[in-house]
N, C-alpha and C. Protein backbone atom coordinates (compact mmCIF):
# COMPACT_ATOMS: atom_id res chain seq x y z
N UNK A 1 57.61 -20.17 34.72
CA UNK A 1 57.61 -21.05 34.01
C UNK A 1 56.25 -20.95 33.86
N UNK A 2 54.98 -20.91 34.25
CA UNK A 2 53.61 -20.60 33.36
C UNK A 2 53.46 -20.16 32.34
N UNK A 3 54.22 -18.88 32.08
CA UNK A 3 54.64 -18.29 30.55
C UNK A 3 55.11 -19.28 29.56
N UNK A 4 56.27 -20.65 30.19
CA UNK A 4 56.58 -21.40 29.28
C UNK A 4 55.26 -22.36 29.16
N UNK A 5 55.15 -23.65 29.59
CA UNK A 5 53.44 -23.69 29.36
C UNK A 5 53.38 -23.48 29.02
N UNK A 6 52.12 -21.90 28.49
CA UNK A 6 51.57 -21.50 28.02
C UNK A 6 51.56 -21.40 26.42
N UNK A 7 52.93 -21.79 26.79
CA UNK A 7 53.69 -21.15 25.29
C UNK A 7 53.50 -22.60 24.70
N UNK A 8 53.88 -23.69 25.38
CA UNK A 8 54.32 -25.00 24.94
C UNK A 8 52.99 -25.68 24.51
N UNK A 9 52.01 -25.33 25.38
CA UNK A 9 50.59 -26.34 25.07
C UNK A 9 49.97 -25.31 23.88
N UNK A 10 50.03 -23.93 23.93
CA UNK A 10 49.82 -23.26 22.38
C UNK A 10 50.21 -23.59 20.93
N UNK A 11 51.71 -24.43 21.73
CA UNK A 11 52.29 -24.72 19.97
C UNK A 11 51.72 -26.06 19.50
N UNK A 12 51.07 -27.06 20.94
CA UNK A 12 50.39 -27.78 20.75
C UNK A 12 49.71 -28.13 20.11
N UNK A 13 48.16 -26.50 19.79
CA UNK A 13 47.16 -26.92 20.13
C UNK A 13 46.66 -27.07 18.44
N UNK A 14 45.59 -28.31 18.22
CA UNK A 14 45.22 -27.85 16.77
C UNK A 14 44.67 -26.75 15.55
N UNK A 15 45.60 -26.39 14.92
CA UNK A 15 44.99 -25.84 13.60
C UNK A 15 43.77 -25.24 13.28
N UNK A 16 43.61 -24.69 12.41
CA UNK A 16 42.47 -24.63 11.89
C UNK A 16 42.48 -24.93 10.59
N UNK A 17 41.29 -25.62 10.41
CA UNK A 17 41.84 -25.78 8.07
C UNK A 17 41.80 -24.96 7.40
N UNK A 18 42.93 -24.53 6.81
CA UNK A 18 42.19 -23.47 5.47
C UNK A 18 40.77 -23.84 4.82
N UNK A 19 40.64 -22.38 4.66
CA UNK A 19 39.59 -22.76 3.58
C UNK A 19 39.63 -23.20 2.29
N UNK A 20 38.43 -23.05 1.43
CA UNK A 20 38.40 -23.32 0.49
C UNK A 20 39.17 -22.24 -0.73
N UNK A 21 39.90 -21.82 -1.93
CA UNK A 21 40.20 -20.55 -2.21
C UNK A 21 38.75 -20.23 -2.88
N UNK A 22 38.15 -19.15 -3.12
CA UNK A 22 37.00 -18.56 -4.53
C UNK A 22 37.54 -19.21 -5.35
N UNK A 23 36.75 -19.61 -6.39
CA UNK A 23 36.92 -19.78 -7.72
C UNK A 23 37.74 -18.95 -8.61
N UNK A 24 38.87 -19.03 -9.26
CA UNK A 24 39.11 -17.56 -9.64
C UNK A 24 38.45 -16.97 -11.14
N UNK A 25 39.02 -16.18 -11.45
CA UNK A 25 38.40 -14.99 -12.60
C UNK A 25 38.81 -16.26 -13.68
N UNK A 26 38.70 -16.01 -14.67
CA UNK A 26 38.80 -17.32 -16.02
C UNK A 26 38.94 -16.63 -17.13
N UNK A 27 40.02 -16.44 -17.77
CA UNK A 27 40.35 -15.61 -19.10
C UNK A 27 40.62 -16.84 -19.98
N UNK A 28 39.98 -16.98 -20.92
CA UNK A 28 40.41 -17.63 -22.19
C UNK A 28 39.52 -18.78 -22.08
N UNK A 29 40.03 -19.67 -23.34
CA UNK A 29 41.32 -20.08 -23.74
C UNK A 29 41.40 -19.05 -24.68
N UNK A 30 43.14 -19.11 -24.62
CA UNK A 30 43.50 -18.06 -25.67
C UNK A 30 44.15 -18.64 -27.16
N UNK A 31 44.83 -18.14 -27.64
CA UNK A 31 45.04 -18.63 -29.18
C UNK A 31 46.14 -19.47 -29.47
N UNK A 32 46.79 -20.02 -28.17
CA UNK A 32 47.90 -21.00 -28.12
C UNK A 32 47.29 -22.28 -26.80
N UNK A 33 46.10 -22.08 -26.76
CA UNK A 33 45.73 -23.16 -25.92
C UNK A 33 45.43 -22.94 -24.23
N UNK A 34 45.83 -22.02 -24.00
CA UNK A 34 45.94 -21.72 -22.71
C UNK A 34 44.35 -20.24 -21.83
N UNK A 35 44.69 -20.78 -20.93
CA UNK A 35 43.77 -20.07 -19.40
C UNK A 35 44.48 -19.39 -18.28
N UNK A 36 44.26 -18.26 -18.06
CA UNK A 36 44.48 -17.76 -17.52
C UNK A 36 43.82 -17.26 -16.07
N UNK A 37 43.94 -18.07 -14.67
CA UNK A 37 43.22 -17.64 -13.33
C UNK A 37 43.82 -16.56 -12.74
N UNK A 38 43.17 -15.88 -12.35
CA UNK A 38 43.59 -14.75 -11.51
C UNK A 38 42.77 -15.12 -9.89
N UNK A 39 43.22 -14.56 -8.99
CA UNK A 39 42.66 -14.66 -8.00
C UNK A 39 43.50 -14.50 -7.13
N UNK A 40 42.89 -14.45 -5.52
CA UNK A 40 43.46 -14.13 -4.06
C UNK A 40 43.17 -14.97 -3.26
N UNK A 41 43.82 -15.65 -2.39
CA UNK A 41 44.66 -16.79 -1.07
C UNK A 41 45.19 -15.90 -0.01
N UNK A 42 45.51 -16.88 1.04
CA UNK A 42 46.14 -16.22 2.26
C UNK A 42 47.46 -15.21 2.01
N UNK A 43 47.80 -14.28 2.31
CA UNK A 43 49.54 -14.07 1.70
C UNK A 43 50.66 -15.42 2.01
N UNK A 44 51.80 -15.16 1.17
CA UNK A 44 52.79 -16.52 1.29
C UNK A 44 52.69 -17.68 0.88
N UNK A 45 51.05 -17.98 0.32
CA UNK A 45 50.97 -19.61 0.38
C UNK A 45 51.26 -19.83 -1.37
N UNK A 46 51.70 -21.28 -1.61
CA UNK A 46 51.30 -21.75 -2.53
C UNK A 46 50.43 -22.07 -3.17
N UNK A 47 49.89 -21.62 -4.13
CA UNK A 47 48.63 -21.68 -5.52
C UNK A 47 48.77 -22.94 -6.51
N UNK A 48 47.88 -23.84 -6.15
CA UNK A 48 48.27 -25.09 -7.07
C UNK A 48 47.17 -24.79 -8.42
N UNK A 49 47.13 -25.64 -9.59
CA UNK A 49 46.22 -25.44 -10.66
C UNK A 49 46.79 -26.68 -11.49
N UNK A 50 45.13 -27.40 -11.36
CA UNK A 50 45.41 -28.87 -11.77
C UNK A 50 44.38 -28.99 -13.06
N UNK A 51 44.65 -28.96 -14.62
CA UNK A 51 44.07 -30.01 -15.45
C UNK A 51 43.54 -30.58 -15.11
N UNK A 52 42.30 -31.74 -14.88
CA UNK A 52 42.53 -32.71 -14.22
C UNK A 52 42.37 -34.09 -15.37
N UNK A 53 41.86 -33.38 -16.59
CA UNK A 53 41.85 -34.32 -17.51
C UNK A 53 43.25 -34.82 -18.39
N UNK A 54 44.48 -33.65 -18.66
CA UNK A 54 44.98 -33.55 -18.48
C UNK A 54 46.31 -33.77 -17.84
N UNK A 55 46.17 -34.02 -16.27
CA UNK A 55 47.02 -33.66 -15.76
C UNK A 55 48.37 -33.20 -15.59
N UNK A 56 48.30 -31.95 -16.25
CA UNK A 56 48.87 -31.14 -15.99
C UNK A 56 48.82 -29.63 -15.45
N UNK A 57 49.65 -29.49 -14.71
CA UNK A 57 49.66 -28.51 -13.36
C UNK A 57 50.40 -27.87 -13.40
N UNK A 58 50.03 -26.54 -13.07
CA UNK A 58 50.58 -25.42 -12.59
C UNK A 58 50.93 -24.32 -11.09
N UNK A 59 52.00 -23.61 -10.78
CA UNK A 59 51.89 -23.47 -9.58
C UNK A 59 52.64 -22.06 -9.35
N UNK A 60 51.66 -21.51 -8.09
CA UNK A 60 52.62 -20.21 -7.96
C UNK A 60 52.96 -20.01 -6.38
N UNK A 61 53.88 -19.10 -6.62
CA UNK A 61 53.91 -18.17 -4.73
C UNK A 61 53.02 -17.12 -4.64
N UNK A 62 52.11 -16.93 -3.55
CA UNK A 62 52.00 -15.52 -3.44
C UNK A 62 52.31 -14.27 -3.04
N UNK A 63 52.10 -13.20 -2.80
CA UNK A 63 53.01 -11.81 -2.58
C UNK A 63 52.09 -11.51 -0.80
N UNK A 64 52.29 -10.80 -0.58
CA UNK A 64 51.96 -10.71 0.65
C UNK A 64 50.31 -10.01 0.57
N UNK A 65 50.08 -10.21 -0.68
CA UNK A 65 48.94 -9.17 -0.98
C UNK A 65 48.11 -10.54 -1.11
N UNK A 66 48.40 -11.80 -1.54
CA UNK A 66 47.92 -13.03 -1.74
C UNK A 66 47.51 -12.97 -3.15
N UNK A 67 47.64 -12.28 -3.97
CA UNK A 67 46.97 -12.36 -5.29
C UNK A 67 47.62 -13.56 -6.46
N UNK A 68 47.09 -14.14 -7.01
CA UNK A 68 48.30 -14.74 -8.51
C UNK A 68 47.51 -14.73 -9.51
N UNK A 69 47.84 -14.96 -10.45
CA UNK A 69 48.32 -15.09 -12.14
C UNK A 69 48.61 -16.38 -12.41
N UNK A 70 47.59 -17.42 -12.40
CA UNK A 70 48.55 -18.64 -13.14
C UNK A 70 47.84 -19.40 -15.08
N UNK A 71 48.59 -19.48 -15.39
CA UNK A 71 48.19 -19.72 -16.60
C UNK A 71 48.44 -21.18 -17.39
N UNK A 72 47.99 -22.10 -17.99
CA UNK A 72 47.58 -23.54 -17.21
C UNK A 72 47.14 -23.68 -18.81
N UNK A 73 47.72 -25.09 -19.62
CA UNK A 73 46.75 -25.28 -21.28
C UNK A 73 45.37 -25.93 -20.71
N UNK A 74 44.77 -25.54 -20.93
CA UNK A 74 43.36 -25.73 -20.79
C UNK A 74 42.20 -25.56 -21.92
N UNK A 75 41.33 -25.79 -22.79
CA UNK A 75 40.11 -25.82 -23.36
C UNK A 75 38.75 -25.41 -22.96
N UNK A 76 37.86 -24.94 -23.54
CA UNK A 76 36.33 -25.22 -23.31
C UNK A 76 36.10 -26.07 -23.03
N UNK A 77 35.49 -26.28 -21.46
CA UNK A 77 34.95 -28.00 -20.98
C UNK A 77 36.33 -28.51 -20.44
N UNK A 78 36.94 -27.83 -19.88
CA UNK A 78 38.04 -28.70 -19.40
C UNK A 78 37.46 -28.67 -18.06
N UNK A 79 37.35 -29.48 -17.04
CA UNK A 79 37.58 -29.69 -15.76
C UNK A 79 38.71 -29.52 -14.66
N UNK A 80 38.98 -28.49 -14.28
CA UNK A 80 40.42 -27.44 -13.53
C UNK A 80 39.96 -28.05 -12.37
N UNK A 81 41.18 -27.58 -11.30
CA UNK A 81 40.74 -27.83 -9.71
C UNK A 81 41.57 -27.01 -9.10
N UNK A 82 41.77 -26.65 -8.47
CA UNK A 82 42.60 -24.93 -8.02
C UNK A 82 42.31 -25.10 -6.17
N UNK A 83 43.85 -25.54 -6.10
CA UNK A 83 43.43 -25.14 -4.22
C UNK A 83 44.88 -23.98 -3.52
N UNK A 84 45.36 -24.32 -2.41
CA UNK A 84 46.68 -23.98 -2.23
C UNK A 84 47.53 -24.27 -0.75
N UNK A 85 48.70 -24.07 -0.08
CA UNK A 85 48.90 -24.88 1.02
C UNK A 85 49.47 -23.27 1.86
N UNK A 86 49.96 -23.66 2.35
CA UNK A 86 50.39 -23.08 3.45
C UNK A 86 51.01 -23.80 4.69
N UNK A 87 52.58 -23.72 4.59
CA UNK A 87 53.42 -24.39 5.37
C UNK A 87 52.90 -26.01 5.24
N UNK A 88 52.36 -26.63 6.06
CA UNK A 88 52.54 -28.09 5.75
C UNK A 88 50.63 -28.69 5.53
N UNK A 89 49.84 -27.50 5.89
CA UNK A 89 48.18 -27.82 5.17
C UNK A 89 48.19 -26.98 3.92
N UNK A 90 46.98 -27.77 3.67
CA UNK A 90 46.12 -27.93 2.12
C UNK A 90 45.23 -27.50 2.36
N UNK A 91 44.72 -26.43 1.66
CA UNK A 91 42.99 -26.09 1.40
C UNK A 91 42.34 -27.34 0.59
N UNK A 92 41.04 -27.26 0.71
CA UNK A 92 40.66 -27.88 -0.38
C UNK A 92 40.40 -27.36 -0.74
N UNK A 93 40.09 -28.10 -2.54
CA UNK A 93 40.11 -27.85 -3.95
C UNK A 93 39.05 -27.19 -4.26
N UNK A 94 38.88 -26.19 -5.57
CA UNK A 94 37.76 -26.02 -6.06
C UNK A 94 38.18 -26.29 -7.09
N UNK A 95 36.48 -27.13 -7.89
CA UNK A 95 36.85 -27.66 -8.92
C UNK A 95 35.63 -26.61 -9.70
N UNK A 96 36.16 -26.89 -10.74
CA UNK A 96 35.09 -25.96 -11.64
C UNK A 96 35.38 -26.61 -13.88
N UNK A 97 34.69 -25.87 -14.43
CA UNK A 97 35.15 -26.14 -16.19
C UNK A 97 35.45 -24.57 -16.79
N UNK A 98 36.18 -24.63 -17.51
CA UNK A 98 36.91 -23.33 -18.51
C UNK A 98 34.69 -23.73 -19.62
N UNK A 99 34.58 -22.15 -19.20
CA UNK A 99 33.33 -21.87 -20.53
C UNK A 99 33.97 -22.04 -22.08
């Protein structure tokens, strides 16, 4: 019975917040007006990228290695935001400008 109580209390303990992602490697913009963002986060997470100025976004589910490559419409000077989610938890976002 004590093991069950310990397991039940472990399920109710708060989880640690997700850390923000590192700033991705930025490639582009290319001739089609896209920027490629490359990075890694926690495995099996969903990574989101948002062009703050145009409100256009993209997302990708990562594999076991947590690597992502997201292509998003953006130009030099555009502000982008990247964050990820794991289950019902969202990380803080990292915001940066396209060089």
